[in-house]
Amino acid sequence: MMKKNEFYSFLKEIPKAEIHLHIEAVISKDSIKKLYFKANGTEFSDAEMKKLFSYEDLNGFIAAFLQVQSLFTSVDDFDLVFSDLKQYIIDNGISYAEVFFAPSAFVKKGFVYGDIMKNFSRNIAAIKKETGVDVRILVDVSRTFGLENAEKNLDMLLADKIPEVIGIGLGGAESKGPCKDFGPVFERARKNGLKTVAHAGEDVDAWSIWDALDVLHSARIGHGITAIQDEKLMVRLKDEKIPLEVAPTSNVFTKKYVPSFDKHPIRTFFNKGLLVTVNTDDPLFFKVSLLDEYWNLHTELGFTLEEIKQLILNSFDSTFLSDTDKKAWCDKVEKAWK
């Protein structure tokens, strides 16, 4: 087993993809303070910051996530988010990212979706110029606010589509918005050339993953940890090479299905040959980075360096890049590893 500092230094130099990352949750505490001061004209105290991050379950986390979103007062505030995203990419040696953005709360505040997308396009271009990293967006149509709101989010996406937006996702409180309710939105998205992914099996039993596959025809499954309950489902995921966007620390936090890191089903999924990828979900909220996640797998679940390399290759293979680009990145991983 490598020493921690050696592991981090080595892995930082290896090209990596992250495909399950909520962009608002890459924001730093310093940026939250700036947003709060701009919105309220007073400082955000340490006590308030501590209270913001004092949650104990998935719904509590979602409430905190929405509270951070509520601090935004203008579209230009997203410049802070992208500045933090750029630093996160640099710190973790990320070469390509597909990130979620949930517009619902901002549109309800009166933000114009088209203006948000102009900001995103400008910031993504700047990140590319400064780091060489491509960032692509999956718009979270959100199960939290119901089907009608999800349809409106898709309408906005199609009316003001930018090249950086490649698809839609279904996030939010899984227990309150079953996958099966959002079939029409996903069907229309695919007909318009968009990729589709869904959070499923994070906070609900394995039937949610079945619905994500059979009703939503999701190309990837966000989290998918309750697949461990269903041997037939695991066989299907393996045979159809459906990627699982696993975020171990996030799953441990919710504690509903994973009581501790060493009990996480990612080891079983990997051993059975499922296409598992490693992600952070919400770095600020769960106090974790992509390098941290790989280190935890190495130390808590005994993933060898060769197995970690395979997880990194899996992440590129699970992106929505072209087959040619996937192969090019995997070749770069192999070369860097040597």
C-alpha atoms as a PDB file:
ATOM      1  CA  MET A   1       0.000   0.000   0.000  1.00  0.00           C
ATOM      2  CA  MET A   2       1.370   3.405  -0.949  1.00  0.00           C
ATOM      3  CA  LYS A   3       1.846   6.169   1.582  1.00  0.00           C
ATOM      4  CA  LYS A   4      -0.882   8.788   1.423  1.00  0.00           C
ATOM      5  CA  ASN A   5       1.243  11.654   0.123  1.00  0.00           C
ATOM      6  CA  GLU A   6       2.819   9.418  -2.528  1.00  0.00           C
ATOM      7  CA  PHE A   7      -0.607   8.130  -3.571  1.00  0.00           C
ATOM      8  CA  TYR A   8      -2.049  11.626  -3.967  1.00  0.00           C
ATOM      9  CA  SER A   9       0.979  12.912  -5.885  1.00  0.00           C
ATOM     10  CA  PHE A  10       0.954   9.906  -8.208  1.00  0.00           C
ATOM     11  CA  LEU A  11      -2.791   9.849  -8.856  1.00  0.00           C
ATOM     12  CA  LYS A  12      -3.006  13.595  -9.431  1.00  0.00           C
ATOM     13  CA  GLU A  13      -0.797  13.145 -12.510  1.00  0.00           C
ATOM     14  CA  ILE A  14      -3.050  10.467 -14.018  1.00  0.00           C
ATOM     15  CA  PRO A  15      -5.801  11.724 -16.375  1.00  0.00           C
ATOM     16  CA  LYS A  16      -9.198  11.250 -14.747  1.00  0.00           C
ATOM     17  CA  ALA A  17     -12.840  11.828 -15.617  1.00  0.00           C
ATOM     18  CA  GLU A  18     -15.609  12.684 -13.183  1.00  0.00           C
ATOM     19  CA  ILE A  19     -19.162  12.135 -14.388  1.00  0.00           C
ATOM     20  CA  HIS A  20     -21.356  12.598 -11.296  1.00  0.00           C
ATOM     21  CA  LEU A  21     -20.700  16.035  -9.871  1.00  0.00           C
ATOM     22  CA  HIS A  22     -23.234  18.743  -8.989  1.00  0.00           C
ATOM     23  CA  ILE A  23     -21.758  22.045 -10.053  1.00  0.00           C
ATOM     24  CA  GLU A  24     -23.333  24.139  -7.288  1.00  0.00           C
ATOM     25  CA  ALA A  25     -21.762  21.773  -4.735  1.00  0.00           C
ATOM     26  CA  VAL A  26     -18.213  22.443  -5.931  1.00  0.00           C
ATOM     27  CA  ILE A  27     -18.562  25.958  -4.543  1.00  0.00           C
ATOM     28  CA  SER A  28     -16.180  26.885  -1.704  1.00  0.00           C
ATOM     29  CA  LYS A  29     -17.064  28.247   1.723  1.00  0.00           C
ATOM     30  CA  ASP A  30     -15.315  31.492   0.797  1.00  0.00           C
ATOM     31  CA  SER A  31     -17.645  31.859  -2.182  1.00  0.00           C
ATOM     32  CA  ILE A  32     -20.663  31.136   0.018  1.00  0.00           C
ATOM     33  CA  LYS A  33     -19.566  33.974   2.296  1.00  0.00           C
ATOM     34  CA  LYS A  34     -19.235  36.307  -0.693  1.00  0.00           C
ATOM     35  CA  LEU A  35     -22.713  35.384  -1.925  1.00  0.00           C
ATOM     36  CA  TYR A  36     -24.190  35.870   1.529  1.00  0.00           C
ATOM     37  CA  PHE A  37     -22.600  39.288   1.946  1.00  0.00           C
ATOM     38  CA  LYS A  38     -23.778  40.362  -1.491  1.00  0.00           C
ATOM     39  CA  ALA A  39     -27.323  39.177  -0.759  1.00  0.00           C
ATOM     40  CA  ASN A  40     -27.605  40.438   2.829  1.00  0.00           C
ATOM     41  CA  GLY A  41     -24.954  43.106   3.384  1.00  0.00           C
ATOM     42  CA  THR A  42     -23.681  41.292   6.492  1.00  0.00           C
ATOM     43  CA  GLU A  43     -21.065  38.632   7.165  1.00  0.00           C
ATOM     44  CA  PHE A  44     -21.960  34.934   7.208  1.00  0.00           C
ATOM     45  CA  SER A  45     -20.836  33.863  10.683  1.00  0.00           C
ATOM     46  CA  ASP A  46     -18.955  30.678  11.500  1.00  0.00           C
ATOM     47  CA  ALA A  47     -21.947  29.573  13.568  1.00  0.00           C
ATOM     48  CA  GLU A  48     -24.252  30.000  10.581  1.00  0.00           C
ATOM     49  CA  MET A  49     -21.810  28.110   8.374  1.00  0.00           C
ATOM     50  CA  LYS A  50     -21.681  25.264  10.883  1.00  0.00           C
ATOM     51  CA  LYS A  51     -25.482  25.165  11.044  1.00  0.00           C
ATOM     52  CA  LEU A  52     -25.725  25.105   7.230  1.00  0.00           C
ATOM     53  CA  PHE A  53     -23.622  21.958   7.090  1.00  0.00           C
ATOM     54  CA  SER A  54     -25.289  20.234  10.063  1.00  0.00           C
ATOM     55  CA  TYR A  55     -27.485  17.667   8.320  1.00  0.00           C
ATOM     56  CA  GLU A  56     -27.893  13.984   8.965  1.00  0.00           C
ATOM     57  CA  ASP A  57     -29.751  12.519   6.011  1.00  0.00           C
ATOM     58  CA  LEU A  58     -30.366  12.958   2.294  1.00  0.00           C
ATOM     59  CA  ASN A  59     -33.352  15.258   2.720  1.00  0.00           C
ATOM     60  CA  GLY A  60     -31.386  17.441   5.143  1.00  0.00           C
ATOM     61  CA  PHE A  61     -28.563  17.670   2.638  1.00  0.00           C
ATOM     62  CA  ILE A  62     -31.000  18.638  -0.145  1.00  0.00           C
ATOM     63  CA  ALA A  63     -32.400  21.386   2.093  1.00  0.00           C
ATOM     64  CA  ALA A  64     -28.864  22.743   2.631  1.00  0.00           C
ATOM     65  CA  PHE A  65     -28.189  22.483  -1.114  1.00  0.00           C
ATOM     66  CA  LEU A  66     -31.300  24.555  -1.821  1.00  0.00           C
ATOM     67  CA  GLN A  67     -30.263  27.075   0.837  1.00  0.00           C
ATOM     68  CA  VAL A  68     -26.940  27.626  -0.933  1.00  0.00           C
ATOM     69  CA  GLN A  69     -28.795  28.085  -4.227  1.00  0.00           C
ATOM     70  CA  SER A  70     -31.004  30.689  -2.520  1.00  0.00           C
ATOM     71  CA  LEU A  71     -27.956  32.929  -1.901  1.00  0.00           C
ATOM     72  CA  PHE A  72     -27.522  33.640  -5.613  1.00  0.00           C
ATOM     73  CA  THR A  73     -28.858  37.066  -6.560  1.00  0.00           C
ATOM     74  CA  SER A  74     -27.663  37.434 -10.160  1.00  0.00           C
ATOM     75  CA  VAL A  75     -26.420  35.311 -13.045  1.00  0.00           C
ATOM     76  CA  ASP A  76     -22.897  36.688 -12.577  1.00  0.00           C
ATOM     77  CA  ASP A  77     -22.740  34.835  -9.251  1.00  0.00           C
ATOM     78  CA  PHE A  78     -22.054  31.677 -11.255  1.00  0.00           C
ATOM     79  CA  ASP A  79     -18.594  33.104 -11.989  1.00  0.00           C
ATOM     80  CA  LEU A  80     -17.710  32.130  -8.404  1.00  0.00           C
ATOM     81  CA  VAL A  81     -18.932  28.582  -8.962  1.00  0.00           C
ATOM     82  CA  PHE A  82     -16.861  28.134 -12.099  1.00  0.00           C
ATOM     83  CA  SER A  83     -13.790  29.627 -10.433  1.00  0.00           C
ATOM     84  CA  ASP A  84     -14.148  27.008  -7.700  1.00  0.00           C
ATOM     85  CA  LEU A  85     -14.813  24.278 -10.277  1.00  0.00           C
ATOM     86  CA  LYS A  86     -11.596  25.212 -12.102  1.00  0.00           C
ATOM     87  CA  GLN A  87      -9.616  24.950  -8.866  1.00  0.00           C
ATOM     88  CA  TYR A  88     -11.258  21.610  -8.044  1.00  0.00           C
ATOM     89  CA  ILE A  89     -10.302  20.298 -11.482  1.00  0.00           C
ATOM     90  CA  ILE A  90      -6.702  21.426 -11.041  1.00  0.00           C
ATOM     91  CA  ASP A  91      -6.391  20.091  -7.485  1.00  0.00           C
ATOM     92  CA  ASN A  92      -7.655  16.637  -8.496  1.00  0.00           C
ATOM     93  CA  GLY A  93      -5.957  16.283 -11.868  1.00  0.00           C
ATOM     94  CA  ILE A  94      -9.272  15.943 -13.705  1.00  0.00           C
ATOM     95  CA  SER A  95      -9.063  15.897 -17.509  1.00  0.00           C
ATOM     96  CA  TYR A  96     -12.754  15.750 -18.420  1.00  0.00           C
ATOM     97  CA  ALA A  97     -15.970  16.353 -16.485  1.00  0.00           C
ATOM     98  CA  GLU A  98     -19.698  15.908 -17.012  1.00  0.00           C
ATOM     99  CA  VAL A  99     -21.488  17.918 -14.329  1.00  0.00           C
ATOM    100  CA  PHE A 100     -25.084  18.387 -13.238  1.00  0.00           C
ATOM    101  CA  PHE A 101     -26.806  21.756 -13.036  1.00  0.00           C
ATOM    102  CA  ALA A 102     -30.259  22.160 -11.457  1.00  0.00           C
ATOM    103  CA  PRO A 103     -31.975  25.290 -12.843  1.00  0.00           C
ATOM    104  CA  SER A 104     -35.331  25.056 -11.038  1.00  0.00           C
ATOM    105  CA  ALA A 105     -34.511  27.107  -7.942  1.00  0.00           C
ATOM    106  CA  PHE A 106     -32.824  29.833  -9.995  1.00  0.00           C
ATOM    107  CA  VAL A 107     -35.659  30.138 -12.502  1.00  0.00           C
ATOM    108  CA  LYS A 108     -38.134  30.359  -9.619  1.00  0.00           C
ATOM    109  CA  LYS A 109     -36.064  33.294  -8.334  1.00  0.00           C
ATOM    110  CA  GLY A 110     -36.520  35.063 -11.665  1.00  0.00           C
ATOM    111  CA  PHE A 111     -33.238  34.213 -13.386  1.00  0.00           C
ATOM    112  CA  VAL A 112     -33.510  33.896 -17.178  1.00  0.00           C
ATOM    113  CA  TYR A 113     -32.388  30.432 -18.246  1.00  0.00           C
ATOM    114  CA  GLY A 114     -30.863  31.711 -21.492  1.00  0.00           C
ATOM    115  CA  ASP A 115     -28.731  34.214 -19.555  1.00  0.00           C
ATOM    116  CA  ILE A 116     -27.501  31.433 -17.271  1.00  0.00           C
ATOM    117  CA  MET A 117     -26.448  29.387 -20.281  1.00  0.00           C
ATOM    118  CA  LYS A 118     -24.531  32.323 -21.776  1.00  0.00           C
ATOM    119  CA  ASN A 119     -22.644  32.592 -18.498  1.00  0.00           C
ATOM    120  CA  PHE A 120     -21.950  28.842 -18.481  1.00  0.00           C
ATOM    121  CA  SER A 121     -20.718  28.861 -22.073  1.00  0.00           C
ATOM    122  CA  ARG A 122     -18.328  31.733 -21.337  1.00  0.00           C
ATOM    123  CA  ASN A 123     -16.982  30.151 -18.162  1.00  0.00           C
ATOM    124  CA  ILE A 124     -16.579  26.690 -19.687  1.00  0.00           C
ATOM    125  CA  ALA A 125     -14.624  28.221 -22.577  1.00  0.00           C
ATOM    126  CA  ALA A 126     -12.377  30.001 -20.051  1.00  0.00           C
ATOM    127  CA  ILE A 127     -11.721  26.753 -18.158  1.00  0.00           C
ATOM    128  CA  LYS A 128     -10.836  25.042 -21.430  1.00  0.00           C
ATOM    129  CA  LYS A 129      -8.430  27.856 -22.371  1.00  0.00           C
ATOM    130  CA  GLU A 130      -6.772  27.969 -18.944  1.00  0.00           C
ATOM    131  CA  THR A 131      -6.600  24.242 -18.113  1.00  0.00           C
ATOM    132  CA  GLY A 132      -7.266  22.334 -21.330  1.00  0.00           C
ATOM    133  CA  VAL A 133     -10.167  20.553 -19.605  1.00  0.00           C
ATOM    134  CA  ASP A 134     -13.540  20.068 -21.296  1.00  0.00           C
ATOM    135  CA  VAL A 135     -16.619  20.462 -19.100  1.00  0.00           C
ATOM    136  CA  ARG A 136     -20.045  19.310 -20.262  1.00  0.00           C
ATOM    137  CA  ILE A 137     -23.414  19.937 -18.605  1.00  0.00           C
ATOM    138  CA  LEU A 138     -26.312  17.620 -17.791  1.00  0.00           C
ATOM    139  CA  VAL A 139     -29.363  19.679 -16.843  1.00  0.00           C
ATOM    140  CA  ASP A 140     -31.104  18.204 -13.815  1.00  0.00           C
ATOM    141  CA  VAL A 141     -34.816  18.368 -14.660  1.00  0.00           C
ATOM    142  CA  SER A 142     -35.384  17.553 -10.966  1.00  0.00           C
ATOM    143  CA  ARG A 143     -37.836  15.089  -9.489  1.00  0.00           C
ATOM    144  CA  THR A 144     -38.211  17.317  -6.400  1.00  0.00           C
ATOM    145  CA  PHE A 145     -40.647  19.754  -8.041  1.00  0.00           C
ATOM    146  CA  GLY A 146     -42.738  17.241 -10.025  1.00  0.00           C
ATOM    147  CA  LEU A 147     -43.359  16.316 -13.658  1.00  0.00           C
ATOM    148  CA  GLU A 148     -44.697  19.686 -14.849  1.00  0.00           C
ATOM    149  CA  ASN A 149     -41.579  21.476 -13.619  1.00  0.00           C
ATOM    150  CA  ALA A 150     -39.351  18.848 -15.256  1.00  0.00           C
ATOM    151  CA  GLU A 151     -41.153  19.395 -18.562  1.00  0.00           C
ATOM    152  CA  LYS A 152     -40.602  23.157 -18.232  1.00  0.00           C
ATOM    153  CA  ASN A 153     -36.897  22.602 -17.591  1.00  0.00           C
ATOM    154  CA  LEU A 154     -36.633  20.540 -20.763  1.00  0.00           C
ATOM    155  CA  ASP A 155     -38.543  23.229 -22.690  1.00  0.00           C
ATOM    156  CA  MET A 156     -36.021  25.835 -21.535  1.00  0.00           C
ATOM    157  CA  LEU A 157     -33.081  23.630 -22.412  1.00  0.00           C
ATOM    158  CA  LEU A 158     -34.375  23.059 -25.955  1.00  0.00           C
ATOM    159  CA  ALA A 159     -35.253  26.726 -26.476  1.00  0.00           C
ATOM    160  CA  ASP A 160     -31.790  27.937 -25.428  1.00  0.00           C
ATOM    161  CA  LYS A 161     -29.556  24.976 -26.211  1.00  0.00           C
ATOM    162  CA  ILE A 162     -25.812  25.457 -26.090  1.00  0.00           C
ATOM    163  CA  PRO A 163     -23.235  22.901 -27.292  1.00  0.00           C
ATOM    164  CA  GLU A 164     -21.906  22.409 -23.771  1.00  0.00           C
ATOM    165  CA  VAL A 165     -25.249  20.947 -22.631  1.00  0.00           C
ATOM    166  CA  ILE A 166     -25.296  17.311 -23.717  1.00  0.00           C
ATOM    167  CA  GLY A 167     -28.251  15.852 -21.834  1.00  0.00           C
ATOM    168  CA  ILE A 168     -30.579  15.744 -18.860  1.00  0.00           C
ATOM    169  CA  GLY A 169     -30.476  14.077 -15.473  1.00  0.00           C
ATOM    170  CA  LEU A 170     -33.015  13.228 -12.802  1.00  0.00           C
ATOM    171  CA  GLY A 171     -31.832  14.236  -9.341  1.00  0.00           C
ATOM    172  CA  GLY A 172     -33.438  15.370  -6.129  1.00  0.00           C
ATOM    173  CA  ALA A 173     -35.347  13.472  -3.439  1.00  0.00           C
ATOM    174  CA  GLU A 174     -35.708   9.989  -4.940  1.00  0.00           C
ATOM    175  CA  SER A 175     -38.397   8.862  -2.503  1.00  0.00           C
ATOM    176  CA  LYS A 176     -40.612  11.804  -3.499  1.00  0.00           C
ATOM    177  CA  GLY A 177     -40.215  11.503  -7.276  1.00  0.00           C
ATOM    178  CA  PRO A 178     -40.224   7.944  -8.655  1.00  0.00           C
ATOM    179  CA  CYS A 179     -38.396   7.453 -11.954  1.00  0.00           C
ATOM    180  CA  LYS A 180     -41.526   6.040 -13.585  1.00  0.00           C
ATOM    181  CA  ASP A 181     -43.244   9.440 -13.314  1.00  0.00           C
ATOM    182  CA  PHE A 182     -40.776  11.101 -15.678  1.00  0.00           C
ATOM    183  CA  GLY A 183     -40.875   8.783 -18.698  1.00  0.00           C
ATOM    184  CA  PRO A 184     -42.381  11.387 -21.106  1.00  0.00           C
ATOM    185  CA  VAL A 185     -39.658  13.937 -20.317  1.00  0.00           C
ATOM    186  CA  PHE A 186     -36.879  11.441 -20.967  1.00  0.00           C
ATOM    187  CA  GLU A 187     -38.472  10.188 -24.179  1.00  0.00           C
ATOM    188  CA  ARG A 188     -38.769  13.719 -25.547  1.00  0.00           C
ATOM    189  CA  ALA A 189     -35.193  14.501 -24.538  1.00  0.00           C
ATOM    190  CA  ARG A 190     -33.859  11.500 -26.464  1.00  0.00           C
ATOM    191  CA  LYS A 191     -35.931  12.405 -29.518  1.00  0.00           C
ATOM    192  CA  ASN A 192     -34.158  15.763 -29.441  1.00  0.00           C
ATOM    193  CA  GLY A 193     -30.729  14.169 -29.385  1.00  0.00           C
ATOM    194  CA  LEU A 194     -30.012  14.510 -25.677  1.00  0.00           C
ATOM    195  CA  LYS A 195     -28.325  11.960 -23.437  1.00  0.00           C
ATOM    196  CA  THR A 196     -30.310  10.820 -20.406  1.00  0.00           C
ATOM    197  CA  VAL A 197     -29.175   9.737 -16.949  1.00  0.00           C
ATOM    198  CA  ALA A 198     -30.953   9.272 -13.622  1.00  0.00           C
ATOM    199  CA  HIS A 199     -30.194   9.063  -9.925  1.00  0.00           C
ATOM    200  CA  ALA A 200     -31.644   5.732  -8.835  1.00  0.00           C
ATOM    201  CA  GLY A 201     -31.016   3.231  -6.060  1.00  0.00           C
ATOM    202  CA  GLU A 202     -29.515   5.908  -3.837  1.00  0.00           C
ATOM    203  CA  ASP A 203     -32.286   6.323  -1.275  1.00  0.00           C
ATOM    204  CA  VAL A 204     -34.823   3.771  -2.574  1.00  0.00           C
ATOM    205  CA  ASP A 205     -34.723  -0.003  -3.088  1.00  0.00           C
ATOM    206  CA  ALA A 206     -33.647  -1.753  -6.289  1.00  0.00           C
ATOM    207  CA  TRP A 207     -37.015  -1.334  -8.035  1.00  0.00           C
ATOM    208  CA  SER A 208     -36.061   2.302  -8.629  1.00  0.00           C
ATOM    209  CA  ILE A 209     -33.118   1.169 -10.766  1.00  0.00           C
ATOM    210  CA  TRP A 210     -35.372  -1.142 -12.760  1.00  0.00           C
ATOM    211  CA  ASP A 211     -37.669   1.824 -13.481  1.00  0.00           C
ATOM    212  CA  ALA A 212     -34.709   3.982 -14.494  1.00  0.00           C
ATOM    213  CA  LEU A 213     -33.742   1.323 -17.031  1.00  0.00           C
ATOM    214  CA  ASP A 214     -37.164   0.188 -18.264  1.00  0.00           C
ATOM    215  CA  VAL A 215     -39.137   3.455 -18.134  1.00  0.00           C
ATOM    216  CA  LEU A 216     -36.495   6.169 -18.485  1.00  0.00           C
ATOM    217  CA  HIS A 217     -34.029   4.098 -20.558  1.00  0.00           C
ATOM    218  CA  SER A 218     -31.298   5.840 -18.624  1.00  0.00           C
ATOM    219  CA  ALA A 219     -27.856   5.460 -20.186  1.00  0.00           C
ATOM    220  CA  ARG A 220     -26.203   5.569 -16.752  1.00  0.00           C
ATOM    221  CA  ILE A 221     -27.355   5.091 -13.171  1.00  0.00           C
ATOM    222  CA  GLY A 222     -26.469   7.686 -10.573  1.00  0.00           C
ATOM    223  CA  HIS A 223     -25.364   5.850  -7.406  1.00  0.00           C
ATOM    224  CA  GLY A 224     -27.219   2.539  -7.957  1.00  0.00           C
ATOM    225  CA  ILE A 225     -26.077   1.109  -4.642  1.00  0.00           C
ATOM    226  CA  THR A 226     -29.310  -0.831  -3.985  1.00  0.00           C
ATOM    227  CA  ALA A 227     -28.552  -3.017  -6.998  1.00  0.00           C
ATOM    228  CA  ILE A 228     -26.772  -5.111  -4.365  1.00  0.00           C
ATOM    229  CA  GLN A 229     -30.246  -6.302  -3.286  1.00  0.00           C
ATOM    230  CA  ASP A 230     -31.011  -7.925  -6.638  1.00  0.00           C
ATOM    231  CA  GLU A 231     -28.752 -10.513  -8.271  1.00  0.00           C
ATOM    232  CA  LYS A 232     -30.765 -10.459 -11.494  1.00  0.00           C
ATOM    233  CA  LEU A 233     -30.386  -6.698 -11.714  1.00  0.00           C
ATOM    234  CA  MET A 234     -26.621  -6.896 -11.225  1.00  0.00           C
ATOM    235  CA  VAL A 235     -26.416  -9.425 -14.048  1.00  0.00           C
ATOM    236  CA  ARG A 236     -28.367  -7.087 -16.299  1.00  0.00           C
ATOM    237  CA  LEU A 237     -26.190  -4.095 -15.420  1.00  0.00           C
ATOM    238  CA  LYS A 238     -23.098  -6.146 -16.228  1.00  0.00           C
ATOM    239  CA  ASP A 239     -24.429  -7.657 -19.457  1.00  0.00           C
ATOM    240  CA  GLU A 240     -25.705  -4.323 -20.802  1.00  0.00           C
ATOM    241  CA  LYS A 241     -22.610  -2.464 -19.545  1.00  0.00           C
ATOM    242  CA  ILE A 242     -24.735   0.180 -17.816  1.00  0.00           C
ATOM    243  CA  PRO A 243     -22.343   2.472 -15.925  1.00  0.00           C
ATOM    244  CA  LEU A 244     -22.899   3.105 -12.235  1.00  0.00           C
ATOM    245  CA  GLU A 245     -21.925   6.615 -11.111  1.00  0.00           C
ATOM    246  CA  VAL A 246     -20.875   5.639  -7.587  1.00  0.00           C
ATOM    247  CA  ALA A 247     -20.117   8.294  -4.961  1.00  0.00           C
ATOM    248  CA  PRO A 248     -18.940   6.287  -1.919  1.00  0.00           C
ATOM    249  CA  THR A 249     -18.640   9.049   0.693  1.00  0.00           C
ATOM    250  CA  SER A 250     -22.047  10.427  -0.277  1.00  0.00           C
ATOM    251  CA  ASN A 251     -23.576   6.966   0.111  1.00  0.00           C
ATOM    252  CA  VAL A 252     -21.988   6.470   3.526  1.00  0.00           C
ATOM    253  CA  PHE A 253     -23.313   9.842   4.650  1.00  0.00           C
ATOM    254  CA  THR A 254     -26.951   8.947   3.963  1.00  0.00           C
ATOM    255  CA  LYS A 255     -26.449   5.768   6.041  1.00  0.00           C
ATOM    256  CA  LYS A 256     -29.711   4.281   4.795  1.00  0.00           C
ATOM    257  CA  TYR A 257     -27.987   1.464   2.937  1.00  0.00           C
ATOM    258  CA  VAL A 258     -24.258   1.892   3.627  1.00  0.00           C
ATOM    259  CA  PRO A 259     -23.457   2.117   7.360  1.00  0.00           C
ATOM    260  CA  SER A 260     -19.696   2.594   6.867  1.00  0.00           C
ATOM    261  CA  PHE A 261     -17.160   2.886   4.068  1.00  0.00           C
ATOM    262  CA  ASP A 262     -15.891  -0.671   4.491  1.00  0.00           C
ATOM    263  CA  LYS A 263     -19.467  -1.934   3.914  1.00  0.00           C
ATOM    264  CA  HIS A 264     -19.925  -0.118   0.598  1.00  0.00           C
ATOM    265  CA  PRO A 265     -21.122  -2.458  -2.226  1.00  0.00           C
ATOM    266  CA  ILE A 266     -18.712  -0.962  -4.801  1.00  0.00           C
ATOM    267  CA  ARG A 267     -16.252  -3.786  -4.036  1.00  0.00           C
ATOM    268  CA  THR A 268     -18.894  -6.410  -4.819  1.00  0.00           C
ATOM    269  CA  PHE A 269     -19.976  -4.547  -7.964  1.00  0.00           C
ATOM    270  CA  PHE A 270     -16.387  -4.353  -9.173  1.00  0.00           C
ATOM    271  CA  ASN A 271     -15.672  -8.015  -8.426  1.00  0.00           C
ATOM    272  CA  LYS A 272     -18.785  -9.047 -10.354  1.00  0.00           C
ATOM    273  CA  GLY A 273     -17.626  -7.091 -13.393  1.00  0.00           C
ATOM    274  CA  LEU A 274     -20.117  -4.211 -13.315  1.00  0.00           C
ATOM    275  CA  LEU A 275     -19.048  -0.974 -15.003  1.00  0.00           C
ATOM    276  CA  VAL A 276     -18.504   1.095 -11.860  1.00  0.00           C
ATOM    277  CA  THR A 277     -17.085   4.617 -11.793  1.00  0.00           C
ATOM    278  CA  VAL A 278     -15.892   6.758  -8.876  1.00  0.00           C
ATOM    279  CA  ASN A 279     -17.283  10.236  -8.242  1.00  0.00           C
ATOM    280  CA  THR A 280     -17.770  12.741  -5.432  1.00  0.00           C
ATOM    281  CA  ASP A 281     -21.360  13.917  -6.018  1.00  0.00           C
ATOM    282  CA  ASP A 282     -21.122  17.059  -3.835  1.00  0.00           C
ATOM    283  CA  PRO A 283     -17.529  17.748  -2.721  1.00  0.00           C
ATOM    284  CA  LEU A 284     -18.202  20.683  -0.402  1.00  0.00           C
ATOM    285  CA  PHE A 285     -21.224  19.146   1.294  1.00  0.00           C
ATOM    286  CA  PHE A 286     -19.570  15.772   1.918  1.00  0.00           C
ATOM    287  CA  LYS A 287     -16.065  17.172   2.555  1.00  0.00           C
ATOM    288  CA  VAL A 288     -14.446  14.940  -0.057  1.00  0.00           C
ATOM    289  CA  SER A 289     -12.423  15.235  -3.270  1.00  0.00           C
ATOM    290  CA  LEU A 290     -11.976  12.782  -6.130  1.00  0.00           C
ATOM    291  CA  LEU A 291      -8.457  11.943  -4.923  1.00  0.00           C
ATOM    292  CA  ASP A 292      -9.918  11.322  -1.445  1.00  0.00           C
ATOM    293  CA  GLU A 293     -12.429   8.848  -2.876  1.00  0.00           C
ATOM    294  CA  TYR A 294      -9.715   6.809  -4.594  1.00  0.00           C
ATOM    295  CA  TRP A 295      -7.572   6.870  -1.449  1.00  0.00           C
ATOM    296  CA  ASN A 296     -10.520   5.644   0.629  1.00  0.00           C
ATOM    297  CA  LEU A 297     -11.103   2.772  -1.783  1.00  0.00           C
ATOM    298  CA  HIS A 298      -7.404   1.872  -1.546  1.00  0.00           C
ATOM    299  CA  THR A 299      -7.267   1.935   2.250  1.00  0.00           C
ATOM    300  CA  GLU A 300     -10.798   0.963   3.329  1.00  0.00           C
ATOM    301  CA  LEU A 301     -11.790  -1.569   0.669  1.00  0.00           C
ATOM    302  CA  GLY A 302      -8.419  -2.864  -0.450  1.00  0.00           C
ATOM    303  CA  PHE A 303      -8.545  -1.717  -4.060  1.00  0.00           C
ATOM    304  CA  THR A 304      -5.107  -2.338  -5.537  1.00  0.00           C
ATOM    305  CA  LEU A 305      -3.392   0.203  -7.746  1.00  0.00           C
ATOM    306  CA  GLU A 306      -4.232  -1.869 -10.829  1.00  0.00           C
ATOM    307  CA  GLU A 307      -7.879  -1.969  -9.779  1.00  0.00           C
ATOM    308  CA  ILE A 308      -7.864   1.788  -9.254  1.00  0.00           C
ATOM    309  CA  LYS A 309      -6.438   2.187 -12.747  1.00  0.00           C
ATOM    310  CA  GLN A 310      -9.357   0.120 -14.061  1.00  0.00           C
ATOM    311  CA  LEU A 311     -11.827   2.359 -12.222  1.00  0.00           C
ATOM    312  CA  ILE A 312     -10.238   5.382 -13.904  1.00  0.00           C
ATOM    313  CA  LEU A 313     -10.476   3.680 -17.317  1.00  0.00           C
ATOM    314  CA  ASN A 314     -14.118   2.840 -16.515  1.00  0.00           C
ATOM    315  CA  SER A 315     -14.842   6.524 -15.922  1.00  0.00           C
ATOM    316  CA  PHE A 316     -13.620   7.518 -19.382  1.00  0.00           C
ATOM    317  CA  ASP A 317     -15.448   4.562 -20.962  1.00  0.00           C
ATOM    318  CA  SER A 318     -18.665   5.708 -19.234  1.00  0.00           C
ATOM    319  CA  THR A 319     -18.578   9.295 -20.510  1.00  0.00           C
ATOM    320  CA  PHE A 320     -20.618  10.563 -23.445  1.00  0.00           C
ATOM    321  CA  LEU A 321     -17.440  11.206 -25.440  1.00  0.00           C
ATOM    322  CA  SER A 322     -17.040   9.572 -28.844  1.00  0.00           C
ATOM    323  CA  ASP A 323     -15.480   6.106 -28.948  1.00  0.00           C
ATOM    324  CA  THR A 324     -12.405   7.652 -30.542  1.00  0.00           C
ATOM    325  CA  ASP A 325     -12.013  10.174 -27.720  1.00  0.00           C
ATOM    326  CA  LYS A 326     -12.626   7.503 -25.076  1.00  0.00           C
ATOM    327  CA  LYS A 327      -9.838   5.371 -26.526  1.00  0.00           C
ATOM    328  CA  ALA A 328      -7.506   8.358 -26.730  1.00  0.00           C
ATOM    329  CA  TRP A 329      -8.024   9.162 -23.060  1.00  0.00           C
ATOM    330  CA  CYS A 330      -7.651   5.537 -21.988  1.00  0.00           C
ATOM    331  CA  ASP A 331      -4.363   5.384 -23.920  1.00  0.00           C
ATOM    332  CA  LYS A 332      -3.226   8.523 -22.077  1.00  0.00           C
ATOM    333  CA  VAL A 333      -4.100   6.870 -18.752  1.00  0.00           C
ATOM    334  CA  GLU A 334      -2.034   3.797 -19.631  1.00  0.00           C
ATOM    335  CA  LYS A 335       0.908   5.925 -20.754  1.00  0.00           C
ATOM    336  CA  ALA A 336       0.806   8.126 -17.648  1.00  0.00           C
ATOM    337  CA  TRP A 337       0.525   5.065 -15.407  1.00  0.00           C
ATOM    338  CA  LYS A 338       3.732   3.598 -16.832  1.00  0.00           C
END
